[in-house]
Amino acid sequence: MLRLTVNGKEHVIEEDLDESTPLLWVLRDRLGLVGTKFGCGGGFCGACTVHLNGAATRSCQLRAVDVAGLRITTIEGLAGPDGTLHPLQQAWIEHDVPQCGYCQAGQLMSAAALLATTPQPSDAQIDAAMDNLCRCGTYLRVRKAIHSAAAVVRGRGRT
C-alpha cells in the first residue's frame, strides 16, 4: 500500500505497485492526473515537472515509493482551491505563451517554484531556473510571463 499527498488530498494506492514505478505514472495512470506529461523519460525535458514540498522535481525519474510523506503538487493543484488561476497561469494566457502546449504544465510548475523562492527574478535567474525544453521556442514569452506574474505575486503576497 502506498499513501501519497497530492494537491492537498491523501490518496491510498492499495493495489500492487512495482517499487520501480515512477511518480509520473502513478499520477497519470493510478490517480488520473494527466496534466503532468511524459516527454523524454530521462528527466531532461521537464514536461513531467511537479513540486515536492515546493521544489520543482522531474517526476519521470523519481520512484513513487520514495515520495510517500512529501507534499506533491501537480499542475492540477496550481490554481487556488476555488479555481482561481495562479498568477502564472493568467500571465501564460495574457502573453500567449503556449503554442503546441505540451511542455506548458512543466514550464508552469518550474516557474511557480522559482517565484516561491525568488519573488523578483532577473532575466538571468529565470533563464537559469527554467531548464525545461520547449520545441516551439516560446522562451522569450515564458520570461515575459514570469516577470508579469512576479509583479502580481508581489502585489498579492501569493506564490
N, C-alpha and C. Protein backbone atom coordinates (compact mmCIF):
# COMPACT_ATOMS: atom_id res chain seq x y z
N MET A 1 0.85 -1.18 0.00
CA MET A 1 0.00 0.00 0.00
C MET A 1 0.90 1.24 0.00
N LEU A 2 0.48 2.24 -0.77
CA LEU A 2 1.24 3.48 -0.88
C LEU A 2 0.31 4.65 -0.60
N ARG A 3 0.74 5.55 0.29
CA ARG A 3 -0.03 6.76 0.61
C ARG A 3 0.73 7.97 0.07
N LEU A 4 0.03 8.75 -0.73
CA LEU A 4 0.61 9.97 -1.31
C LEU A 4 -0.31 11.14 -1.03
N THR A 5 0.28 12.29 -0.72
CA THR A 5 -0.49 13.51 -0.57
C THR A 5 -0.26 14.34 -1.82
N VAL A 6 -1.30 14.42 -2.64
CA VAL A 6 -1.22 15.10 -3.92
C VAL A 6 -2.27 16.21 -3.96
N ASN A 7 -1.79 17.42 -4.22
CA ASN A 7 -2.66 18.60 -4.30
C ASN A 7 -3.52 18.74 -3.04
N GLY A 8 -2.91 18.45 -1.89
CA GLY A 8 -3.57 18.62 -0.61
C GLY A 8 -4.50 17.49 -0.21
N LYS A 9 -4.60 16.45 -1.01
CA LYS A 9 -5.51 15.34 -0.73
C LYS A 9 -4.71 14.05 -0.59
N GLU A 10 -5.05 13.26 0.42
CA GLU A 10 -4.36 11.98 0.59
C GLU A 10 -4.98 10.93 -0.32
N HIS A 11 -4.10 10.20 -0.99
CA HIS A 11 -4.51 9.10 -1.87
C HIS A 11 -3.85 7.83 -1.36
N VAL A 12 -4.61 6.77 -1.37
CA VAL A 12 -4.10 5.46 -0.98
C VAL A 12 -4.16 4.56 -2.20
N ILE A 13 -3.01 4.02 -2.56
CA ILE A 13 -2.94 3.09 -3.67
C ILE A 13 -2.77 1.71 -3.05
N GLU A 14 -3.84 0.95 -3.09
CA GLU A 14 -3.86 -0.34 -2.41
C GLU A 14 -3.38 -1.48 -3.28
N GLU A 15 -3.59 -1.37 -4.60
CA GLU A 15 -3.17 -2.47 -5.46
C GLU A 15 -1.66 -2.52 -5.54
N ASP A 16 -1.16 -3.67 -5.93
CA ASP A 16 0.29 -3.86 -6.03
C ASP A 16 0.92 -2.83 -6.94
N LEU A 17 2.03 -2.32 -6.51
CA LEU A 17 2.75 -1.33 -7.29
C LEU A 17 4.22 -1.74 -7.31
N ASP A 18 4.75 -1.90 -8.48
CA ASP A 18 6.17 -2.22 -8.61
C ASP A 18 6.96 -1.07 -7.98
N GLU A 19 7.93 -1.38 -7.15
CA GLU A 19 8.70 -0.33 -6.45
C GLU A 19 9.45 0.58 -7.40
N SER A 20 9.68 0.16 -8.62
CA SER A 20 10.40 1.00 -9.57
C SER A 20 9.49 1.95 -10.35
N THR A 21 8.18 1.89 -10.11
CA THR A 21 7.24 2.72 -10.87
C THR A 21 7.49 4.20 -10.59
N PRO A 22 7.74 4.98 -11.65
CA PRO A 22 7.95 6.41 -11.46
C PRO A 22 6.68 7.13 -10.98
N LEU A 23 6.88 8.18 -10.23
CA LEU A 23 5.77 9.00 -9.75
C LEU A 23 4.88 9.45 -10.92
N LEU A 24 5.48 9.81 -12.04
CA LEU A 24 4.72 10.26 -13.20
C LEU A 24 3.59 9.29 -13.54
N TRP A 25 3.90 8.01 -13.58
CA TRP A 25 2.90 7.02 -14.00
C TRP A 25 1.86 6.77 -12.91
N VAL A 26 2.23 6.93 -11.66
CA VAL A 26 1.23 6.82 -10.59
C VAL A 26 0.26 8.00 -10.70
N LEU A 27 0.80 9.19 -10.91
CA LEU A 27 -0.07 10.37 -11.05
C LEU A 27 -1.03 10.20 -12.22
N ARG A 28 -0.51 9.81 -13.36
CA ARG A 28 -1.32 9.71 -14.57
C ARG A 28 -2.24 8.48 -14.58
N ASP A 29 -1.67 7.31 -14.33
CA ASP A 29 -2.42 6.07 -14.51
C ASP A 29 -3.25 5.65 -13.31
N ARG A 30 -2.76 5.93 -12.12
CA ARG A 30 -3.48 5.48 -10.92
C ARG A 30 -4.39 6.58 -10.36
N LEU A 31 -3.95 7.84 -10.48
CA LEU A 31 -4.75 8.92 -9.89
C LEU A 31 -5.50 9.74 -10.93
N GLY A 32 -5.25 9.52 -12.20
CA GLY A 32 -5.97 10.22 -13.26
C GLY A 32 -5.59 11.68 -13.42
N LEU A 33 -4.43 12.07 -12.89
CA LEU A 33 -3.96 13.46 -13.01
C LEU A 33 -3.05 13.54 -14.24
N VAL A 34 -3.65 13.78 -15.39
CA VAL A 34 -2.93 13.67 -16.65
C VAL A 34 -2.33 14.99 -17.14
N GLY A 35 -2.38 16.03 -16.33
CA GLY A 35 -1.76 17.29 -16.71
C GLY A 35 -0.24 17.20 -16.76
N THR A 36 0.33 16.38 -15.90
CA THR A 36 1.77 16.13 -15.90
C THR A 36 2.07 15.22 -17.08
N LYS A 37 2.97 15.65 -17.94
CA LYS A 37 3.19 14.96 -19.22
C LYS A 37 4.46 14.11 -19.21
N PHE A 38 4.44 13.07 -20.04
CA PHE A 38 5.63 12.29 -20.34
C PHE A 38 6.27 12.94 -21.56
N GLY A 39 7.54 13.29 -21.43
CA GLY A 39 8.25 13.89 -22.55
C GLY A 39 9.37 12.98 -23.01
N CYS A 40 10.47 13.02 -22.30
CA CYS A 40 11.66 12.28 -22.73
C CYS A 40 11.88 11.00 -21.94
N GLY A 41 11.35 10.93 -20.73
CA GLY A 41 11.56 9.76 -19.89
C GLY A 41 12.91 9.73 -19.19
N GLY A 42 13.73 10.74 -19.43
CA GLY A 42 15.05 10.78 -18.83
C GLY A 42 15.27 11.94 -17.88
N GLY A 43 14.23 12.72 -17.61
CA GLY A 43 14.36 13.85 -16.70
C GLY A 43 15.01 15.08 -17.32
N PHE A 44 15.12 15.11 -18.64
CA PHE A 44 15.81 16.22 -19.30
C PHE A 44 14.86 17.33 -19.76
N CYS A 45 13.68 16.98 -20.25
CA CYS A 45 12.83 17.98 -20.91
C CYS A 45 11.97 18.78 -19.94
N GLY A 46 11.59 18.21 -18.83
CA GLY A 46 10.81 18.94 -17.83
C GLY A 46 9.31 18.89 -18.00
N ALA A 47 8.79 18.18 -18.99
CA ALA A 47 7.34 18.10 -19.18
C ALA A 47 6.66 17.45 -17.98
N CYS A 48 7.40 16.66 -17.22
CA CYS A 48 6.85 15.92 -16.09
C CYS A 48 7.06 16.63 -14.75
N THR A 49 7.42 17.90 -14.77
CA THR A 49 7.76 18.62 -13.53
C THR A 49 6.55 18.77 -12.61
N VAL A 50 6.77 18.41 -11.35
CA VAL A 50 5.81 18.61 -10.27
C VAL A 50 6.58 19.26 -9.11
N HIS A 51 5.87 19.62 -8.07
CA HIS A 51 6.52 20.12 -6.86
C HIS A 51 6.53 19.04 -5.80
N LEU A 52 7.67 18.87 -5.16
CA LEU A 52 7.78 18.03 -3.97
C LEU A 52 8.16 18.96 -2.84
N ASN A 53 7.25 19.13 -1.89
CA ASN A 53 7.44 20.09 -0.81
C ASN A 53 7.86 21.46 -1.35
N GLY A 54 7.30 21.84 -2.49
CA GLY A 54 7.53 23.14 -3.08
C GLY A 54 8.66 23.22 -4.08
N ALA A 55 9.49 22.20 -4.17
CA ALA A 55 10.63 22.23 -5.09
C ALA A 55 10.26 21.56 -6.41
N ALA A 56 10.63 22.21 -7.51
CA ALA A 56 10.38 21.64 -8.84
C ALA A 56 11.20 20.36 -9.00
N THR A 57 10.52 19.28 -9.40
CA THR A 57 11.15 17.97 -9.49
C THR A 57 10.61 17.23 -10.71
N ARG A 58 11.49 16.52 -11.39
CA ARG A 58 11.09 15.71 -12.55
C ARG A 58 10.48 14.40 -12.04
N SER A 59 9.24 14.18 -12.34
CA SER A 59 8.54 13.01 -11.81
C SER A 59 8.78 11.73 -12.60
N CYS A 60 9.35 11.82 -13.79
CA CYS A 60 9.56 10.61 -14.59
C CYS A 60 10.73 9.78 -14.08
N GLN A 61 11.62 10.38 -13.33
CA GLN A 61 12.80 9.68 -12.84
C GLN A 61 12.77 9.43 -11.33
N LEU A 62 11.63 9.69 -10.72
CA LEU A 62 11.50 9.58 -9.27
C LEU A 62 10.54 8.46 -8.92
N ARG A 63 11.00 7.51 -8.15
CA ARG A 63 10.12 6.39 -7.77
C ARG A 63 9.02 6.89 -6.84
N ALA A 64 7.81 6.47 -7.11
CA ALA A 64 6.67 6.89 -6.29
C ALA A 64 6.85 6.48 -4.83
N VAL A 65 7.42 5.32 -4.59
CA VAL A 65 7.59 4.85 -3.21
C VAL A 65 8.53 5.75 -2.42
N ASP A 66 9.35 6.53 -3.09
CA ASP A 66 10.31 7.40 -2.41
C ASP A 66 9.71 8.74 -1.99
N VAL A 67 8.48 9.04 -2.39
CA VAL A 67 7.90 10.35 -2.08
C VAL A 67 6.73 10.27 -1.11
N ALA A 68 6.46 9.09 -0.57
CA ALA A 68 5.42 8.96 0.44
C ALA A 68 5.77 9.89 1.60
N GLY A 69 4.80 10.65 2.05
CA GLY A 69 5.02 11.58 3.15
C GLY A 69 5.40 12.99 2.72
N LEU A 70 5.69 13.17 1.44
CA LEU A 70 6.00 14.51 0.93
C LEU A 70 4.76 15.13 0.31
N ARG A 71 4.72 16.47 0.28
CA ARG A 71 3.61 17.18 -0.38
C ARG A 71 3.91 17.23 -1.87
N ILE A 72 3.04 16.65 -2.66
CA ILE A 72 3.19 16.65 -4.11
C ILE A 72 2.15 17.59 -4.68
N THR A 73 2.59 18.49 -5.54
CA THR A 73 1.66 19.38 -6.23
C THR A 73 1.86 19.20 -7.72
N THR A 74 0.76 18.98 -8.42
CA THR A 74 0.78 18.85 -9.87
C THR A 74 0.17 20.11 -10.47
N ILE A 75 0.18 20.20 -11.78
CA ILE A 75 -0.43 21.36 -12.45
C ILE A 75 -1.90 21.51 -12.06
N GLU A 76 -2.57 20.39 -11.78
CA GLU A 76 -3.98 20.46 -11.38
C GLU A 76 -4.16 21.15 -10.03
N GLY A 77 -3.11 21.20 -9.23
CA GLY A 77 -3.18 21.83 -7.92
C GLY A 77 -2.59 23.23 -7.87
N LEU A 78 -2.17 23.75 -9.02
CA LEU A 78 -1.54 25.08 -9.02
C LEU A 78 -2.56 26.20 -8.80
N ALA A 79 -3.73 26.06 -9.37
CA ALA A 79 -4.78 27.07 -9.18
C ALA A 79 -5.25 27.05 -7.73
N GLY A 80 -5.92 28.09 -7.33
CA GLY A 80 -6.44 28.15 -5.98
C GLY A 80 -7.55 27.14 -5.76
N PRO A 81 -7.89 26.86 -4.50
CA PRO A 81 -8.92 25.86 -4.21
C PRO A 81 -10.29 26.23 -4.80
N ASP A 82 -10.51 27.50 -5.03
CA ASP A 82 -11.77 27.94 -5.62
C ASP A 82 -11.72 27.98 -7.14
N GLY A 83 -10.61 27.51 -7.71
CA GLY A 83 -10.46 27.51 -9.16
C GLY A 83 -9.83 28.77 -9.74
N THR A 84 -9.51 29.72 -8.86
CA THR A 84 -8.85 30.94 -9.32
C THR A 84 -7.49 30.60 -9.88
N LEU A 85 -7.23 31.06 -11.09
CA LEU A 85 -5.94 30.77 -11.71
C LEU A 85 -4.79 31.36 -10.90
N HIS A 86 -3.69 30.64 -10.87
CA HIS A 86 -2.45 31.16 -10.30
C HIS A 86 -2.02 32.32 -11.19
N PRO A 87 -1.37 33.33 -10.65
CA PRO A 87 -0.92 34.45 -11.48
C PRO A 87 -0.08 34.01 -12.68
N LEU A 88 0.66 32.94 -12.55
CA LEU A 88 1.42 32.44 -13.70
C LEU A 88 0.50 31.91 -14.79
N GLN A 89 -0.53 31.19 -14.40
CA GLN A 89 -1.47 30.67 -15.39
C GLN A 89 -2.14 31.82 -16.14
N GLN A 90 -2.50 32.85 -15.41
CA GLN A 90 -3.12 34.03 -16.03
C GLN A 90 -2.12 34.73 -16.96
N ALA A 91 -0.89 34.86 -16.51
CA ALA A 91 0.14 35.50 -17.34
C ALA A 91 0.42 34.68 -18.60
N TRP A 92 0.39 33.37 -18.48
CA TRP A 92 0.60 32.50 -19.64
C TRP A 92 -0.45 32.80 -20.71
N ILE A 93 -1.68 33.01 -20.25
CA ILE A 93 -2.77 33.32 -21.19
C ILE A 93 -2.56 34.71 -21.78
N GLU A 94 -2.29 35.68 -20.92
CA GLU A 94 -2.14 37.07 -21.37
C GLU A 94 -0.98 37.25 -22.34
N HIS A 95 0.08 36.50 -22.16
CA HIS A 95 1.27 36.63 -23.01
C HIS A 95 1.29 35.58 -24.13
N ASP A 96 0.21 34.85 -24.26
CA ASP A 96 0.07 33.87 -25.34
C ASP A 96 1.30 32.96 -25.42
N VAL A 97 1.67 32.41 -24.26
CA VAL A 97 2.89 31.61 -24.18
C VAL A 97 2.81 30.30 -24.96
N PRO A 98 1.79 29.47 -24.73
CA PRO A 98 1.82 28.16 -25.37
C PRO A 98 1.57 28.20 -26.87
N GLN A 99 2.26 27.35 -27.58
CA GLN A 99 1.93 27.11 -28.98
C GLN A 99 1.31 25.72 -29.03
N CYS A 100 2.12 24.68 -29.03
CA CYS A 100 1.53 23.33 -29.01
C CYS A 100 1.00 23.03 -27.61
N GLY A 101 1.63 23.58 -26.58
CA GLY A 101 1.16 23.44 -25.21
C GLY A 101 1.67 22.24 -24.46
N TYR A 102 2.35 21.33 -25.12
CA TYR A 102 2.73 20.08 -24.47
C TYR A 102 3.63 20.30 -23.24
N CYS A 103 4.57 21.20 -23.32
CA CYS A 103 5.52 21.40 -22.23
C CYS A 103 5.02 22.36 -21.17
N GLN A 104 3.87 22.97 -21.39
CA GLN A 104 3.46 24.09 -20.54
C GLN A 104 3.21 23.75 -19.09
N ALA A 105 2.66 22.56 -18.79
CA ALA A 105 2.45 22.21 -17.38
C ALA A 105 3.78 22.20 -16.64
N GLY A 106 4.78 21.58 -17.25
CA GLY A 106 6.10 21.55 -16.62
C GLY A 106 6.72 22.93 -16.52
N GLN A 107 6.54 23.74 -17.56
CA GLN A 107 7.05 25.11 -17.54
C GLN A 107 6.42 25.89 -16.38
N LEU A 108 5.11 25.78 -16.25
CA LEU A 108 4.40 26.50 -15.19
C LEU A 108 4.85 26.04 -13.80
N MET A 109 5.06 24.75 -13.64
CA MET A 109 5.48 24.25 -12.33
C MET A 109 6.89 24.72 -11.99
N SER A 110 7.78 24.75 -12.97
CA SER A 110 9.13 25.27 -12.73
C SER A 110 9.08 26.76 -12.39
N ALA A 111 8.26 27.51 -13.12
CA ALA A 111 8.15 28.95 -12.87
C ALA A 111 7.55 29.22 -11.50
N ALA A 112 6.57 28.43 -11.08
CA ALA A 112 5.96 28.64 -9.76
C ALA A 112 6.97 28.38 -8.65
N ALA A 113 7.79 27.35 -8.82
CA ALA A 113 8.83 27.08 -7.81
C ALA A 113 9.83 28.23 -7.75
N LEU A 114 10.16 28.79 -8.92
CA LEU A 114 11.07 29.94 -8.96
C LEU A 114 10.49 31.12 -8.20
N LEU A 115 9.24 31.47 -8.50
CA LEU A 115 8.63 32.63 -7.84
C LEU A 115 8.44 32.43 -6.35
N ALA A 116 8.30 31.19 -5.92
CA ALA A 116 8.15 30.92 -4.49
C ALA A 116 9.42 31.25 -3.72
N THR A 117 10.57 31.14 -4.38
CA THR A 117 11.84 31.42 -3.71
C THR A 117 12.47 32.73 -4.14
N THR A 118 12.07 33.24 -5.31
CA THR A 118 12.66 34.45 -5.87
C THR A 118 11.53 35.33 -6.40
N PRO A 119 10.95 36.16 -5.54
CA PRO A 119 9.76 36.91 -5.95
C PRO A 119 9.98 37.98 -7.03
N GLN A 120 11.21 38.36 -7.24
CA GLN A 120 11.51 39.36 -8.28
C GLN A 120 12.73 38.87 -9.08
N PRO A 121 12.55 37.83 -9.87
CA PRO A 121 13.70 37.25 -10.56
C PRO A 121 14.21 38.11 -11.72
N SER A 122 15.49 38.09 -11.91
CA SER A 122 16.11 38.76 -13.05
C SER A 122 15.99 37.83 -14.26
N ASP A 123 16.30 38.37 -15.44
CA ASP A 123 16.31 37.53 -16.64
C ASP A 123 17.27 36.35 -16.46
N ALA A 124 18.42 36.61 -15.89
CA ALA A 124 19.42 35.56 -15.70
C ALA A 124 18.90 34.48 -14.74
N GLN A 125 18.20 34.88 -13.68
CA GLN A 125 17.65 33.91 -12.74
C GLN A 125 16.54 33.08 -13.39
N ILE A 126 15.74 33.72 -14.21
CA ILE A 126 14.69 33.00 -14.93
C ILE A 126 15.33 32.00 -15.88
N ASP A 127 16.30 32.45 -16.65
CA ASP A 127 16.96 31.57 -17.61
C ASP A 127 17.61 30.37 -16.91
N ALA A 128 18.20 30.60 -15.75
CA ALA A 128 18.86 29.50 -15.02
C ALA A 128 17.83 28.52 -14.46
N ALA A 129 16.71 29.03 -13.97
CA ALA A 129 15.71 28.17 -13.34
C ALA A 129 14.85 27.42 -14.35
N MET A 130 14.65 28.02 -15.50
CA MET A 130 13.75 27.44 -16.50
C MET A 130 14.54 26.55 -17.46
N ASP A 131 14.86 25.36 -16.98
CA ASP A 131 15.63 24.43 -17.80
C ASP A 131 14.74 23.44 -18.54
N ASN A 132 13.45 23.75 -18.60
CA ASN A 132 12.50 22.93 -19.36
C ASN A 132 12.70 23.20 -20.85
N LEU A 133 12.50 22.17 -21.64
CA LEU A 133 12.65 22.31 -23.09
C LEU A 133 11.29 22.61 -23.74
N CYS A 134 11.32 23.52 -24.70
CA CYS A 134 10.13 23.87 -25.47
C CYS A 134 10.50 23.79 -26.94
N ARG A 135 9.94 22.81 -27.62
CA ARG A 135 10.27 22.64 -29.04
C ARG A 135 9.72 23.78 -29.89
N CYS A 136 8.72 24.47 -29.39
CA CYS A 136 8.14 25.60 -30.14
C CYS A 136 8.97 26.87 -29.96
N GLY A 137 9.84 26.91 -28.96
CA GLY A 137 10.74 28.04 -28.76
C GLY A 137 10.09 29.28 -28.18
N THR A 138 9.18 29.12 -27.24
CA THR A 138 8.48 30.28 -26.68
C THR A 138 9.20 30.86 -25.46
N TYR A 139 10.49 30.69 -25.39
CA TYR A 139 11.26 31.09 -24.20
C TYR A 139 11.14 32.57 -23.86
N LEU A 140 11.12 33.44 -24.85
CA LEU A 140 11.01 34.88 -24.56
C LEU A 140 9.64 35.20 -23.98
N ARG A 141 8.59 34.56 -24.47
CA ARG A 141 7.26 34.78 -23.91
C ARG A 141 7.16 34.20 -22.51
N VAL A 142 7.82 33.07 -22.27
CA VAL A 142 7.86 32.50 -20.92
C VAL A 142 8.48 33.51 -19.96
N ARG A 143 9.60 34.09 -20.35
CA ARG A 143 10.28 35.05 -19.49
C ARG A 143 9.38 36.26 -19.21
N LYS A 144 8.73 36.80 -20.25
CA LYS A 144 7.82 37.94 -20.06
C LYS A 144 6.67 37.58 -19.13
N ALA A 145 6.11 36.40 -19.30
CA ALA A 145 5.00 35.98 -18.45
C ALA A 145 5.45 35.82 -16.99
N ILE A 146 6.65 35.31 -16.78
CA ILE A 146 7.15 35.17 -15.40
C ILE A 146 7.33 36.55 -14.76
N HIS A 147 7.89 37.49 -15.50
CA HIS A 147 8.02 38.85 -14.95
C HIS A 147 6.65 39.44 -14.63
N SER A 148 5.69 39.25 -15.50
CA SER A 148 4.35 39.76 -15.29
C SER A 148 3.71 39.13 -14.05
N ALA A 149 3.81 37.81 -13.93
CA ALA A 149 3.24 37.12 -12.78
C ALA A 149 3.97 37.51 -11.49
N ALA A 150 5.27 37.72 -11.57
CA ALA A 150 6.04 38.12 -10.39
C ALA A 150 5.51 39.42 -9.82
N ALA A 151 5.16 40.36 -10.69
CA ALA A 151 4.61 41.64 -10.24
C ALA A 151 3.28 41.42 -9.53
N VAL A 152 2.45 40.55 -10.06
CA VAL A 152 1.16 40.25 -9.44
C VAL A 152 1.36 39.54 -8.11
N VAL A 153 2.25 38.57 -8.07
CA VAL A 153 2.51 37.82 -6.85
C VAL A 153 3.02 38.75 -5.75
N ARG A 154 3.95 39.63 -6.11
CA ARG A 154 4.46 40.57 -5.10
C ARG A 154 3.35 41.46 -4.58
N GLY A 155 2.44 41.86 -5.44
CA GLY A 155 1.33 42.71 -5.03
C GLY A 155 0.33 42.00 -4.14
N ARG A 156 0.14 40.70 -4.37
CA ARG A 156 -0.84 39.91 -3.62
C ARG A 156 -0.23 39.19 -2.42
N GLY A 157 1.09 38.97 -2.49
CA GLY A 157 1.74 38.17 -1.46
C GLY A 157 1.43 36.69 -1.60
N ARG A 158 1.09 36.24 -2.82
CA ARG A 158 0.77 34.82 -3.08
C ARG A 158 1.81 34.20 -3.98
N THR A 159 2.17 32.93 -3.69
CA THR A 159 3.06 32.18 -4.58
C THR A 159 2.36 30.93 -5.06
